[in-house]
N, C-alpha and C. Protein backbone atom coordinates (compact mmCIF):
# COMPACT_ATOMS: atom_id res chain seq x y z
N UNK A 1 0.83 -1.18 0.00
CA UNK A 1 0.00 0.00 0.00
C UNK A 1 0.88 1.25 0.00
N UNK A 2 1.98 1.21 0.74
CA UNK A 2 2.89 2.35 0.77
C UNK A 2 3.50 2.59 -0.61
N UNK A 3 3.78 1.49 -1.33
CA UNK A 3 4.35 1.64 -2.67
C UNK A 3 3.36 2.31 -3.61
N UNK A 4 2.08 2.00 -3.45
CA UNK A 4 1.08 2.64 -4.31
C UNK A 4 0.91 4.12 -3.97
N UNK A 5 1.03 4.47 -2.71
CA UNK A 5 0.98 5.88 -2.32
C UNK A 5 2.17 6.62 -2.92
N UNK A 6 3.35 6.03 -2.82
CA UNK A 6 4.54 6.64 -3.41
C UNK A 6 4.39 6.74 -4.93
N UNK A 7 3.84 5.68 -5.53
CA UNK A 7 3.62 5.69 -6.98
C UNK A 7 2.64 6.76 -7.40
N UNK A 8 1.56 6.92 -6.63
CA UNK A 8 0.56 7.95 -6.95
C UNK A 8 1.15 9.35 -6.83
N UNK A 9 1.90 9.58 -5.76
CA UNK A 9 2.54 10.89 -5.60
C UNK A 9 3.54 11.14 -6.71
N UNK A 10 4.31 10.13 -7.06
CA UNK A 10 5.30 10.29 -8.15
C UNK A 10 4.61 10.59 -9.47
N UNK A 11 3.52 9.89 -9.74
CA UNK A 11 2.78 10.14 -10.98
C UNK A 11 2.21 11.55 -10.99
N UNK A 12 1.69 11.99 -9.86
CA UNK A 12 1.12 13.34 -9.77
C UNK A 12 2.16 14.41 -10.01
N UNK A 13 3.27 14.33 -9.29
CA UNK A 13 4.31 15.34 -9.45
C UNK A 13 5.03 15.20 -10.80
N UNK A 14 5.10 13.99 -11.32
CA UNK A 14 5.68 13.80 -12.65
C UNK A 14 4.85 14.47 -13.72
N UNK A 15 3.51 14.33 -13.62
CA UNK A 15 2.63 14.99 -14.58
C UNK A 15 2.73 16.51 -14.44
N UNK A 16 2.83 16.99 -13.21
CA UNK A 16 2.99 18.43 -13.01
C UNK A 16 4.28 18.91 -13.69
N UNK A 17 5.35 18.14 -13.56
CA UNK A 17 6.61 18.50 -14.21
C UNK A 17 6.47 18.52 -15.73
N UNK A 18 5.75 17.56 -16.28
CA UNK A 18 5.54 17.54 -17.73
C UNK A 18 4.71 18.74 -18.20
N UNK A 19 3.70 19.09 -17.42
CA UNK A 19 2.87 20.26 -17.76
C UNK A 19 3.73 21.52 -17.73
N UNK A 20 4.56 21.63 -16.70
CA UNK A 20 5.43 22.82 -16.60
C UNK A 20 6.42 22.86 -17.76
N UNK A 21 7.00 21.72 -18.12
CA UNK A 21 7.95 21.67 -19.23
C UNK A 21 7.26 22.02 -20.55
N UNK A 22 6.07 21.46 -20.79
CA UNK A 22 5.34 21.75 -22.01
C UNK A 22 4.98 23.24 -22.08
N UNK A 23 4.57 23.81 -20.97
CA UNK A 23 4.23 25.24 -20.92
C UNK A 23 5.47 26.08 -21.23
N UNK A 24 6.60 25.69 -20.71
CA UNK A 24 7.85 26.43 -20.92
C UNK A 24 8.30 26.31 -22.38
N UNK A 25 8.19 25.09 -22.97
CA UNK A 25 8.61 24.88 -24.36
C UNK A 25 7.73 25.70 -25.31
N UNK A 26 6.45 25.78 -25.01
CA UNK A 26 5.54 26.54 -25.86
C UNK A 26 5.62 28.04 -25.61
N UNK A 27 6.38 28.44 -24.61
CA UNK A 27 6.61 29.85 -24.26
C UNK A 27 5.29 30.61 -24.11
N UNK A 28 4.46 30.08 -23.27
CA UNK A 28 3.15 30.67 -23.05
C UNK A 28 3.13 31.69 -21.92
N UNK A 29 4.23 31.95 -21.33
CA UNK A 29 4.26 32.88 -20.20
C UNK A 29 4.13 32.13 -18.89
N UNK A 30 3.48 32.77 -17.93
CA UNK A 30 3.35 32.16 -16.61
C UNK A 30 2.20 31.15 -16.59
N UNK A 31 2.46 30.00 -15.97
CA UNK A 31 1.45 28.94 -15.85
C UNK A 31 0.39 29.38 -14.83
N UNK A 32 -0.90 29.20 -15.14
CA UNK A 32 -1.95 29.58 -14.18
C UNK A 32 -1.80 28.80 -12.88
N UNK A 33 -2.16 29.42 -11.77
CA UNK A 33 -2.00 28.82 -10.46
C UNK A 33 -2.76 27.51 -10.26
N UNK A 34 -3.91 27.38 -10.89
CA UNK A 34 -4.71 26.17 -10.71
C UNK A 34 -4.10 24.97 -11.43
N UNK A 35 -3.18 25.19 -12.37
CA UNK A 35 -2.62 24.10 -13.16
C UNK A 35 -1.73 23.17 -12.32
N UNK A 36 -1.08 23.71 -11.30
CA UNK A 36 -0.20 22.87 -10.47
C UNK A 36 -0.99 21.80 -9.71
N UNK A 37 -1.95 22.19 -8.87
CA UNK A 37 -2.69 21.14 -8.15
C UNK A 37 -3.56 20.27 -9.08
N UNK A 38 -4.06 20.84 -10.16
CA UNK A 38 -4.89 20.06 -11.08
C UNK A 38 -4.07 18.96 -11.76
N UNK A 39 -2.85 19.28 -12.16
CA UNK A 39 -2.02 18.26 -12.82
C UNK A 39 -1.59 17.18 -11.83
N UNK A 40 -1.29 17.56 -10.58
CA UNK A 40 -0.95 16.57 -9.56
C UNK A 40 -2.15 15.66 -9.30
N UNK A 41 -3.32 16.23 -9.16
CA UNK A 41 -4.53 15.44 -8.90
C UNK A 41 -4.84 14.50 -10.07
N UNK A 42 -4.72 15.00 -11.29
CA UNK A 42 -4.99 14.18 -12.46
C UNK A 42 -3.99 13.01 -12.55
N UNK A 43 -2.72 13.29 -12.28
CA UNK A 43 -1.70 12.23 -12.31
C UNK A 43 -1.96 11.17 -11.24
N UNK A 44 -2.33 11.61 -10.04
CA UNK A 44 -2.62 10.67 -8.95
C UNK A 44 -3.87 9.85 -9.27
N UNK A 45 -4.88 10.49 -9.82
CA UNK A 45 -6.12 9.79 -10.18
C UNK A 45 -5.83 8.75 -11.27
N UNK A 46 -5.09 9.13 -12.28
CA UNK A 46 -4.77 8.19 -13.37
C UNK A 46 -3.98 7.00 -12.84
N UNK A 47 -3.02 7.24 -11.96
CA UNK A 47 -2.24 6.14 -11.39
C UNK A 47 -3.13 5.22 -10.56
N UNK A 48 -4.02 5.80 -9.78
CA UNK A 48 -4.91 5.00 -8.93
C UNK A 48 -5.83 4.11 -9.76
N UNK A 49 -6.37 4.65 -10.83
CA UNK A 49 -7.23 3.86 -11.72
C UNK A 49 -6.41 2.73 -12.35
N UNK A 50 -5.23 3.04 -12.83
CA UNK A 50 -4.37 2.01 -13.43
C UNK A 50 -4.06 0.92 -12.41
N UNK A 51 -3.70 1.29 -11.19
CA UNK A 51 -3.35 0.31 -10.16
C UNK A 51 -4.54 -0.57 -9.80
N UNK A 52 -5.72 0.02 -9.73
CA UNK A 52 -6.93 -0.72 -9.37
C UNK A 52 -7.32 -1.73 -10.45
N UNK A 53 -7.17 -1.34 -11.70
CA UNK A 53 -7.60 -2.20 -12.80
C UNK A 53 -6.54 -3.20 -13.25
N UNK A 54 -5.31 -3.04 -12.84
CA UNK A 54 -4.25 -3.94 -13.33
C UNK A 54 -3.64 -4.82 -12.24
N UNK A 55 -4.13 -4.75 -11.00
CA UNK A 55 -3.46 -5.50 -9.92
C UNK A 55 -3.51 -7.01 -10.17
N UNK A 56 -4.61 -7.53 -10.69
CA UNK A 56 -4.72 -8.98 -10.89
C UNK A 56 -3.72 -9.46 -11.94
N UNK A 57 -3.62 -8.74 -13.04
CA UNK A 57 -2.65 -9.12 -14.07
C UNK A 57 -1.22 -9.03 -13.54
N UNK A 58 -0.94 -7.99 -12.79
CA UNK A 58 0.41 -7.84 -12.24
C UNK A 58 0.72 -8.94 -11.22
N UNK A 59 -0.27 -9.32 -10.42
CA UNK A 59 -0.07 -10.39 -9.42
C UNK A 59 0.21 -11.72 -10.10
N UNK A 60 -0.50 -12.02 -11.18
CA UNK A 60 -0.26 -13.27 -11.90
C UNK A 60 1.07 -13.25 -12.66
N UNK A 61 1.44 -12.11 -13.21
CA UNK A 61 2.72 -12.01 -13.91
C UNK A 61 3.90 -12.18 -12.96
N UNK A 62 3.72 -11.76 -11.71
CA UNK A 62 4.80 -11.88 -10.73
C UNK A 62 5.00 -13.32 -10.28
N UNK A 63 4.01 -14.18 -10.50
CA UNK A 63 4.11 -15.58 -10.10
C UNK A 63 3.76 -16.46 -11.30
N UNK A 64 4.72 -16.71 -12.18
CA UNK A 64 4.42 -17.43 -13.43
C UNK A 64 3.98 -18.88 -13.23
N UNK A 65 4.18 -19.44 -12.05
CA UNK A 65 3.75 -20.82 -11.81
C UNK A 65 2.26 -20.92 -11.57
N UNK A 66 1.57 -19.80 -11.44
CA UNK A 66 0.14 -19.80 -11.20
C UNK A 66 -0.64 -19.81 -12.52
N UNK A 67 -1.70 -20.61 -12.55
CA UNK A 67 -2.62 -20.61 -13.69
C UNK A 67 -3.98 -20.13 -13.19
N UNK A 68 -4.48 -19.09 -13.81
CA UNK A 68 -5.74 -18.49 -13.39
C UNK A 68 -6.89 -19.48 -13.56
N UNK A 69 -7.69 -19.64 -12.50
CA UNK A 69 -8.87 -20.50 -12.56
C UNK A 69 -10.13 -19.67 -12.75
N UNK A 70 -10.34 -18.67 -11.88
CA UNK A 70 -11.52 -17.82 -12.02
C UNK A 70 -11.31 -16.49 -11.31
N UNK A 71 -12.16 -15.55 -11.66
CA UNK A 71 -12.08 -14.21 -11.07
C UNK A 71 -13.47 -13.78 -10.62
N UNK A 72 -13.49 -12.81 -9.71
CA UNK A 72 -14.73 -12.19 -9.26
C UNK A 72 -14.58 -10.69 -9.48
N UNK A 73 -15.58 -10.09 -10.07
CA UNK A 73 -15.57 -8.65 -10.32
C UNK A 73 -16.92 -8.09 -9.91
N UNK A 74 -16.92 -7.29 -8.85
CA UNK A 74 -18.16 -6.70 -8.34
C UNK A 74 -18.05 -5.18 -8.32
N UNK A 75 -19.07 -4.47 -8.83
CA UNK A 75 -19.04 -3.01 -8.73
C UNK A 75 -19.26 -2.56 -7.29
N UNK A 76 -18.82 -1.36 -6.99
CA UNK A 76 -18.94 -0.83 -5.63
C UNK A 76 -19.39 0.62 -5.69
N UNK A 77 -20.28 1.02 -4.79
CA UNK A 77 -20.70 2.43 -4.78
C UNK A 77 -19.56 3.36 -4.37
N UNK A 78 -18.54 2.84 -3.72
CA UNK A 78 -17.38 3.66 -3.34
C UNK A 78 -16.46 3.91 -4.53
N UNK A 79 -16.65 3.15 -5.61
CA UNK A 79 -15.88 3.33 -6.84
C UNK A 79 -16.87 3.45 -8.00
N UNK A 80 -17.38 4.63 -8.26
CA UNK A 80 -18.42 4.80 -9.29
C UNK A 80 -17.99 4.32 -10.68
N UNK A 81 -16.71 4.42 -11.01
CA UNK A 81 -16.23 3.97 -12.31
C UNK A 81 -16.42 2.46 -12.47
N UNK A 82 -16.51 1.73 -11.35
CA UNK A 82 -16.66 0.26 -11.42
C UNK A 82 -18.01 -0.16 -11.98
N UNK A 83 -18.98 0.73 -12.02
CA UNK A 83 -20.26 0.39 -12.64
C UNK A 83 -20.16 0.41 -14.16
N UNK A 84 -19.24 1.19 -14.71
CA UNK A 84 -19.04 1.22 -16.15
C UNK A 84 -18.09 0.10 -16.59
N UNK A 85 -16.94 -0.02 -15.91
CA UNK A 85 -15.95 -1.06 -16.20
C UNK A 85 -15.56 -1.65 -14.85
N UNK A 86 -15.98 -2.88 -14.59
CA UNK A 86 -15.78 -3.49 -13.29
C UNK A 86 -14.40 -4.12 -13.18
N UNK A 87 -13.60 -3.71 -12.18
CA UNK A 87 -12.28 -4.32 -12.00
C UNK A 87 -12.39 -5.67 -11.27
N UNK A 88 -11.38 -6.50 -11.42
CA UNK A 88 -11.32 -7.79 -10.73
C UNK A 88 -11.07 -7.53 -9.25
N UNK A 89 -11.93 -8.11 -8.39
CA UNK A 89 -11.78 -7.95 -6.95
C UNK A 89 -11.04 -9.12 -6.33
N UNK A 90 -11.30 -10.32 -6.85
CA UNK A 90 -10.71 -11.55 -6.31
C UNK A 90 -10.37 -12.48 -7.46
N UNK A 91 -9.39 -13.34 -7.20
CA UNK A 91 -9.06 -14.36 -8.17
C UNK A 91 -8.61 -15.62 -7.46
N UNK A 92 -8.80 -16.75 -8.14
CA UNK A 92 -8.29 -18.03 -7.66
C UNK A 92 -7.42 -18.60 -8.76
N UNK A 93 -6.28 -19.13 -8.36
CA UNK A 93 -5.34 -19.70 -9.31
C UNK A 93 -4.81 -21.02 -8.78
N UNK A 94 -4.30 -21.83 -9.68
CA UNK A 94 -3.71 -23.11 -9.34
C UNK A 94 -2.20 -22.97 -9.42
N UNK A 95 -1.50 -23.45 -8.39
CA UNK A 95 -0.03 -23.44 -8.40
C UNK A 95 0.43 -24.68 -9.14
N UNK A 96 0.84 -24.52 -10.39
CA UNK A 96 1.25 -25.65 -11.22
C UNK A 96 2.49 -26.34 -10.68
N UNK A 97 3.35 -25.60 -9.98
CA UNK A 97 4.56 -26.21 -9.43
C UNK A 97 4.25 -27.11 -8.24
N UNK A 98 3.05 -27.00 -7.70
CA UNK A 98 2.64 -27.83 -6.56
C UNK A 98 1.43 -28.69 -6.91
N UNK A 99 1.36 -29.11 -8.17
CA UNK A 99 0.27 -29.96 -8.65
C UNK A 99 0.84 -31.32 -9.02
N UNK A 100 0.20 -32.38 -8.50
CA UNK A 100 0.70 -33.74 -8.69
C UNK A 100 -0.45 -34.68 -9.02
N UNK A 101 -0.13 -35.71 -9.81
CA UNK A 101 -1.07 -36.78 -10.13
C UNK A 101 -0.36 -38.09 -9.82
N UNK A 102 -0.97 -38.91 -8.96
CA UNK A 102 -0.39 -40.21 -8.62
C UNK A 102 -0.65 -41.17 -9.78
N UNK A 103 0.35 -41.96 -10.18
CA UNK A 103 0.16 -42.87 -11.32
C UNK A 103 -0.97 -43.88 -11.12
N UNK A 104 -1.26 -44.26 -9.88
CA UNK A 104 -2.31 -45.25 -9.62
C UNK A 104 -3.69 -44.61 -9.46
N UNK A 105 -3.74 -43.29 -9.32
CA UNK A 105 -5.02 -42.57 -9.17
C UNK A 105 -5.07 -41.42 -10.18
N UNK A 106 -5.23 -41.72 -11.46
CA UNK A 106 -5.14 -40.66 -12.48
C UNK A 106 -6.25 -39.62 -12.41
N UNK A 107 -7.37 -39.94 -11.76
CA UNK A 107 -8.47 -38.97 -11.68
C UNK A 107 -8.35 -38.04 -10.48
N UNK A 108 -7.43 -38.34 -9.55
CA UNK A 108 -7.22 -37.48 -8.38
C UNK A 108 -6.03 -36.58 -8.63
N UNK A 109 -6.25 -35.28 -8.51
CA UNK A 109 -5.19 -34.29 -8.71
C UNK A 109 -4.98 -33.53 -7.41
N UNK A 110 -3.77 -33.59 -6.91
CA UNK A 110 -3.40 -32.87 -5.69
C UNK A 110 -2.78 -31.55 -6.11
N UNK A 111 -3.28 -30.46 -5.56
CA UNK A 111 -2.79 -29.14 -5.97
C UNK A 111 -2.94 -28.13 -4.83
N UNK A 112 -2.42 -26.95 -5.06
CA UNK A 112 -2.58 -25.84 -4.13
C UNK A 112 -3.39 -24.76 -4.83
N UNK A 113 -4.49 -24.37 -4.20
CA UNK A 113 -5.32 -23.28 -4.71
C UNK A 113 -4.89 -22.00 -4.02
N UNK A 114 -4.55 -21.00 -4.81
CA UNK A 114 -4.11 -19.71 -4.29
C UNK A 114 -5.24 -18.70 -4.52
N UNK A 115 -5.70 -18.10 -3.43
CA UNK A 115 -6.76 -17.08 -3.52
C UNK A 115 -6.16 -15.71 -3.21
N UNK A 116 -6.43 -14.77 -4.09
CA UNK A 116 -5.93 -13.40 -3.91
C UNK A 116 -7.10 -12.43 -4.00
N UNK A 117 -7.00 -11.40 -3.21
CA UNK A 117 -7.98 -10.32 -3.27
C UNK A 117 -7.22 -9.01 -3.06
N UNK A 118 -7.75 -7.96 -3.63
CA UNK A 118 -7.11 -6.65 -3.51
C UNK A 118 -7.07 -6.24 -2.05
N UNK A 119 -5.92 -5.83 -1.56
CA UNK A 119 -5.69 -5.34 -0.20
C UNK A 119 -5.86 -6.43 0.87
N UNK A 120 -5.78 -7.69 0.49
CA UNK A 120 -5.88 -8.77 1.46
C UNK A 120 -4.68 -9.68 1.29
N UNK A 121 -4.33 -10.41 2.37
CA UNK A 121 -3.20 -11.34 2.24
C UNK A 121 -3.57 -12.51 1.31
N UNK A 122 -2.55 -13.08 0.69
CA UNK A 122 -2.73 -14.22 -0.18
C UNK A 122 -3.02 -15.45 0.68
N UNK A 123 -3.98 -16.25 0.24
CA UNK A 123 -4.33 -17.48 0.97
C UNK A 123 -4.09 -18.66 0.04
N UNK A 124 -3.51 -19.71 0.59
CA UNK A 124 -3.27 -20.92 -0.18
C UNK A 124 -3.79 -22.11 0.61
N UNK A 125 -4.44 -23.03 -0.08
CA UNK A 125 -4.95 -24.23 0.57
C UNK A 125 -4.64 -25.42 -0.34
N UNK A 126 -4.15 -26.48 0.29
CA UNK A 126 -3.84 -27.69 -0.46
C UNK A 126 -5.09 -28.55 -0.53
N UNK A 127 -5.41 -29.03 -1.73
CA UNK A 127 -6.63 -29.81 -1.94
C UNK A 127 -6.34 -31.00 -2.85
N UNK A 128 -7.28 -31.93 -2.85
CA UNK A 128 -7.30 -33.00 -3.84
C UNK A 128 -8.62 -32.85 -4.59
N UNK A 129 -8.54 -32.87 -5.91
CA UNK A 129 -9.71 -32.74 -6.75
C UNK A 129 -9.93 -34.07 -7.48
N UNK A 130 -11.13 -34.58 -7.39
CA UNK A 130 -11.51 -35.79 -8.12
C UNK A 130 -12.15 -35.34 -9.42
N UNK A 131 -11.45 -35.51 -10.51
CA UNK A 131 -11.94 -35.04 -11.81
C UNK A 131 -13.06 -35.92 -12.34
N UNK A 132 -13.19 -37.14 -11.83
CA UNK A 132 -14.22 -38.05 -12.30
C UNK A 132 -15.53 -37.82 -11.56
N UNK A 133 -15.48 -37.53 -10.25
CA UNK A 133 -16.69 -37.49 -9.41
C UNK A 133 -17.65 -36.35 -9.72
N UNK A 134 -17.40 -35.15 -9.96
CA UNK A 134 -16.34 -34.22 -9.58
C UNK A 134 -16.53 -33.73 -8.15
N UNK A 135 -15.42 -33.64 -7.42
CA UNK A 135 -15.47 -33.21 -6.03
C UNK A 135 -14.11 -32.67 -5.63
N UNK A 136 -14.11 -31.96 -4.50
CA UNK A 136 -12.90 -31.34 -3.97
C UNK A 136 -12.81 -31.65 -2.48
N UNK A 137 -11.61 -31.96 -2.01
CA UNK A 137 -11.41 -32.21 -0.58
C UNK A 137 -10.16 -31.48 -0.12
N UNK A 138 -10.28 -30.60 0.88
CA UNK A 138 -9.09 -29.96 1.42
C UNK A 138 -8.25 -30.98 2.21
N UNK A 139 -6.95 -30.84 2.08
CA UNK A 139 -6.06 -31.72 2.84
C UNK A 139 -5.73 -30.99 4.13
N UNK A 140 -6.35 -31.42 5.18
CA UNK A 140 -6.15 -30.79 6.48
C UNK A 140 -5.92 -31.83 7.54
N UNK A 141 -6.23 -31.45 8.76
CA UNK A 141 -6.07 -32.36 9.87
C UNK A 141 -6.97 -33.57 9.68
N UNK A 142 -6.41 -34.75 9.83
CA UNK A 142 -7.17 -35.98 9.69
C UNK A 142 -7.19 -36.53 8.28
N UNK A 143 -6.83 -35.76 7.30
CA UNK A 143 -6.78 -36.24 5.92
C UNK A 143 -5.38 -36.78 5.64
N UNK A 144 -5.34 -37.91 4.95
CA UNK A 144 -4.06 -38.55 4.68
C UNK A 144 -4.06 -39.12 3.27
N UNK A 145 -2.96 -38.92 2.58
CA UNK A 145 -2.81 -39.50 1.25
C UNK A 145 -2.03 -40.80 1.41
N UNK A 146 -2.64 -41.89 1.00
CA UNK A 146 -2.01 -43.21 1.12
C UNK A 146 -0.95 -43.40 0.05
N UNK A 147 -0.18 -44.45 0.18
CA UNK A 147 0.90 -44.73 -0.77
C UNK A 147 0.36 -45.05 -2.16
N UNK A 148 -0.89 -45.55 -2.25
CA UNK A 148 -1.48 -45.83 -3.57
C UNK A 148 -2.12 -44.59 -4.20
N UNK A 149 -2.03 -43.43 -3.52
CA UNK A 149 -2.55 -42.18 -4.05
C UNK A 149 -3.97 -41.87 -3.65
N UNK A 150 -4.62 -42.78 -2.94
CA UNK A 150 -6.00 -42.51 -2.50
C UNK A 150 -5.99 -41.60 -1.28
N UNK A 151 -7.11 -40.98 -1.04
CA UNK A 151 -7.24 -40.01 0.06
C UNK A 151 -8.14 -40.61 1.13
N UNK A 152 -7.69 -40.53 2.37
CA UNK A 152 -8.44 -41.08 3.49
C UNK A 152 -8.70 -39.99 4.52
N UNK A 153 -9.89 -39.97 5.08
CA UNK A 153 -10.21 -39.06 6.17
C UNK A 153 -10.54 -37.63 5.74
N UNK A 154 -10.79 -37.43 4.47
CA UNK A 154 -11.10 -36.07 3.98
C UNK A 154 -12.60 -35.93 3.76
N UNK A 155 -13.07 -34.72 3.85
CA UNK A 155 -14.46 -34.41 3.57
C UNK A 155 -14.57 -33.87 2.15
N UNK A 156 -15.28 -34.62 1.31
CA UNK A 156 -15.42 -34.24 -0.09
C UNK A 156 -16.58 -33.27 -0.27
N UNK A 157 -16.35 -32.26 -1.06
CA UNK A 157 -17.38 -31.28 -1.40
C UNK A 157 -17.66 -31.40 -2.90
N UNK A 158 -18.90 -31.67 -3.28
CA UNK A 158 -19.20 -31.83 -4.71
C UNK A 158 -19.02 -30.52 -5.48
N UNK A 159 -18.58 -30.65 -6.72
CA UNK A 159 -18.42 -29.51 -7.62
C UNK A 159 -19.27 -29.75 -8.86
N UNK A 160 -19.71 -28.68 -9.47
CA UNK A 160 -20.43 -28.78 -10.73
C UNK A 160 -19.46 -29.04 -11.87
N UNK A 161 -19.91 -29.73 -12.89
CA UNK A 161 -19.04 -30.03 -14.04
C UNK A 161 -18.57 -28.76 -14.75
N UNK A 162 -19.33 -27.68 -14.61
CA UNK A 162 -18.96 -26.42 -15.27
C UNK A 162 -18.13 -25.50 -14.37
N UNK A 163 -17.72 -25.97 -13.21
CA UNK A 163 -16.93 -25.17 -12.28
C UNK A 163 -15.55 -24.88 -12.89
N UNK A 164 -15.20 -23.61 -12.96
CA UNK A 164 -13.93 -23.19 -13.58
C UNK A 164 -12.72 -23.74 -12.83
N UNK A 165 -12.81 -23.81 -11.51
CA UNK A 165 -11.71 -24.36 -10.71
C UNK A 165 -11.50 -25.83 -11.07
N UNK A 166 -12.57 -26.60 -11.18
CA UNK A 166 -12.48 -28.01 -11.56
C UNK A 166 -11.86 -28.14 -12.94
N UNK A 167 -12.33 -27.35 -13.88
CA UNK A 167 -11.79 -27.41 -15.25
C UNK A 167 -10.29 -27.13 -15.27
N UNK A 168 -9.87 -26.12 -14.53
CA UNK A 168 -8.46 -25.73 -14.54
C UNK A 168 -7.59 -26.81 -13.90
N UNK A 169 -8.01 -27.31 -12.74
CA UNK A 169 -7.23 -28.34 -12.05
C UNK A 169 -7.13 -29.59 -12.92
N UNK A 170 -8.25 -30.01 -13.49
CA UNK A 170 -8.25 -31.23 -14.30
C UNK A 170 -7.43 -31.04 -15.58
N UNK A 171 -7.43 -29.83 -16.14
CA UNK A 171 -6.60 -29.56 -17.33
C UNK A 171 -5.12 -29.66 -16.98
N UNK A 172 -4.72 -29.13 -15.84
CA UNK A 172 -3.32 -29.23 -15.40
C UNK A 172 -2.98 -30.69 -15.13
N UNK A 173 -3.90 -31.43 -14.49
CA UNK A 173 -3.68 -32.86 -14.25
C UNK A 173 -3.51 -33.63 -15.53
N UNK A 174 -4.32 -33.30 -16.54
CA UNK A 174 -4.22 -33.96 -17.85
C UNK A 174 -2.87 -33.66 -18.50
N UNK A 175 -2.40 -32.43 -18.38
CA UNK A 175 -1.08 -32.07 -18.93
C UNK A 175 0.02 -32.86 -18.24
N UNK A 176 -0.10 -33.06 -16.94
CA UNK A 176 0.91 -33.84 -16.20
C UNK A 176 0.88 -35.28 -16.66
N UNK A 177 -0.30 -35.86 -16.82
CA UNK A 177 -0.41 -37.26 -17.27
C UNK A 177 0.17 -37.41 -18.67
N UNK A 178 -0.12 -36.46 -19.57
CA UNK A 178 0.42 -36.53 -20.93
C UNK A 178 1.93 -36.37 -20.94
N UNK A 179 2.45 -35.52 -20.07
CA UNK A 179 3.90 -35.33 -20.00
C UNK A 179 4.60 -36.61 -19.54
N UNK A 180 3.90 -37.40 -18.71
CA UNK A 180 4.47 -38.68 -18.25
C UNK A 180 4.20 -39.81 -19.22
N UNK A 181 3.43 -39.54 -20.27
CA UNK A 181 3.13 -40.58 -21.23
C UNK A 181 1.98 -41.45 -20.80
N UNK A 182 1.12 -40.93 -19.89
CA UNK A 182 -0.01 -41.73 -19.41
C UNK A 182 -1.34 -41.14 -19.88
N UNK A 183 -1.30 -40.27 -20.84
CA UNK A 183 -2.55 -39.64 -21.31
C UNK A 183 -3.44 -40.65 -22.00
N UNK A 184 -4.74 -40.37 -21.95
CA UNK A 184 -5.67 -41.29 -22.60
C UNK A 184 -6.12 -40.76 -23.93
């Protein structure tokens, strides 16, 4: 958050500097007094809009091992521009570097789901997804993955076949199986 404040101030004063330089190059005389705060405000506003609308893309670019599963975008009365163009508020991604398929259980995919939201800490949860059932089970206390790849002691939550998270996890699992030469 401090970096965005510094970025907004830098953008504001940078725009003011450009306005002053342009005014000087055009030899228009003295710059009107309102132009200084107006250019700072416009620069800060433009930076804030850019930061709000690009945070999800920047977060995913910073972590190339993540594959986007789904996003949530809700307008807010505190951000009137969001009713015209709604920014992404939350996203869920799959950590491909922490995704595994056991050779004896090809329909079960073990992965880490990473949830991100603007101005909130990143949350990660390890799960097993059954691509055949379809269902999801968090790996927590009492859940154990056996040597044959089956899951014991977990609570399964059913998923719809059209669930984007299910589709993404199963697609990554399919890529892993094909890379091992076990694709169907």
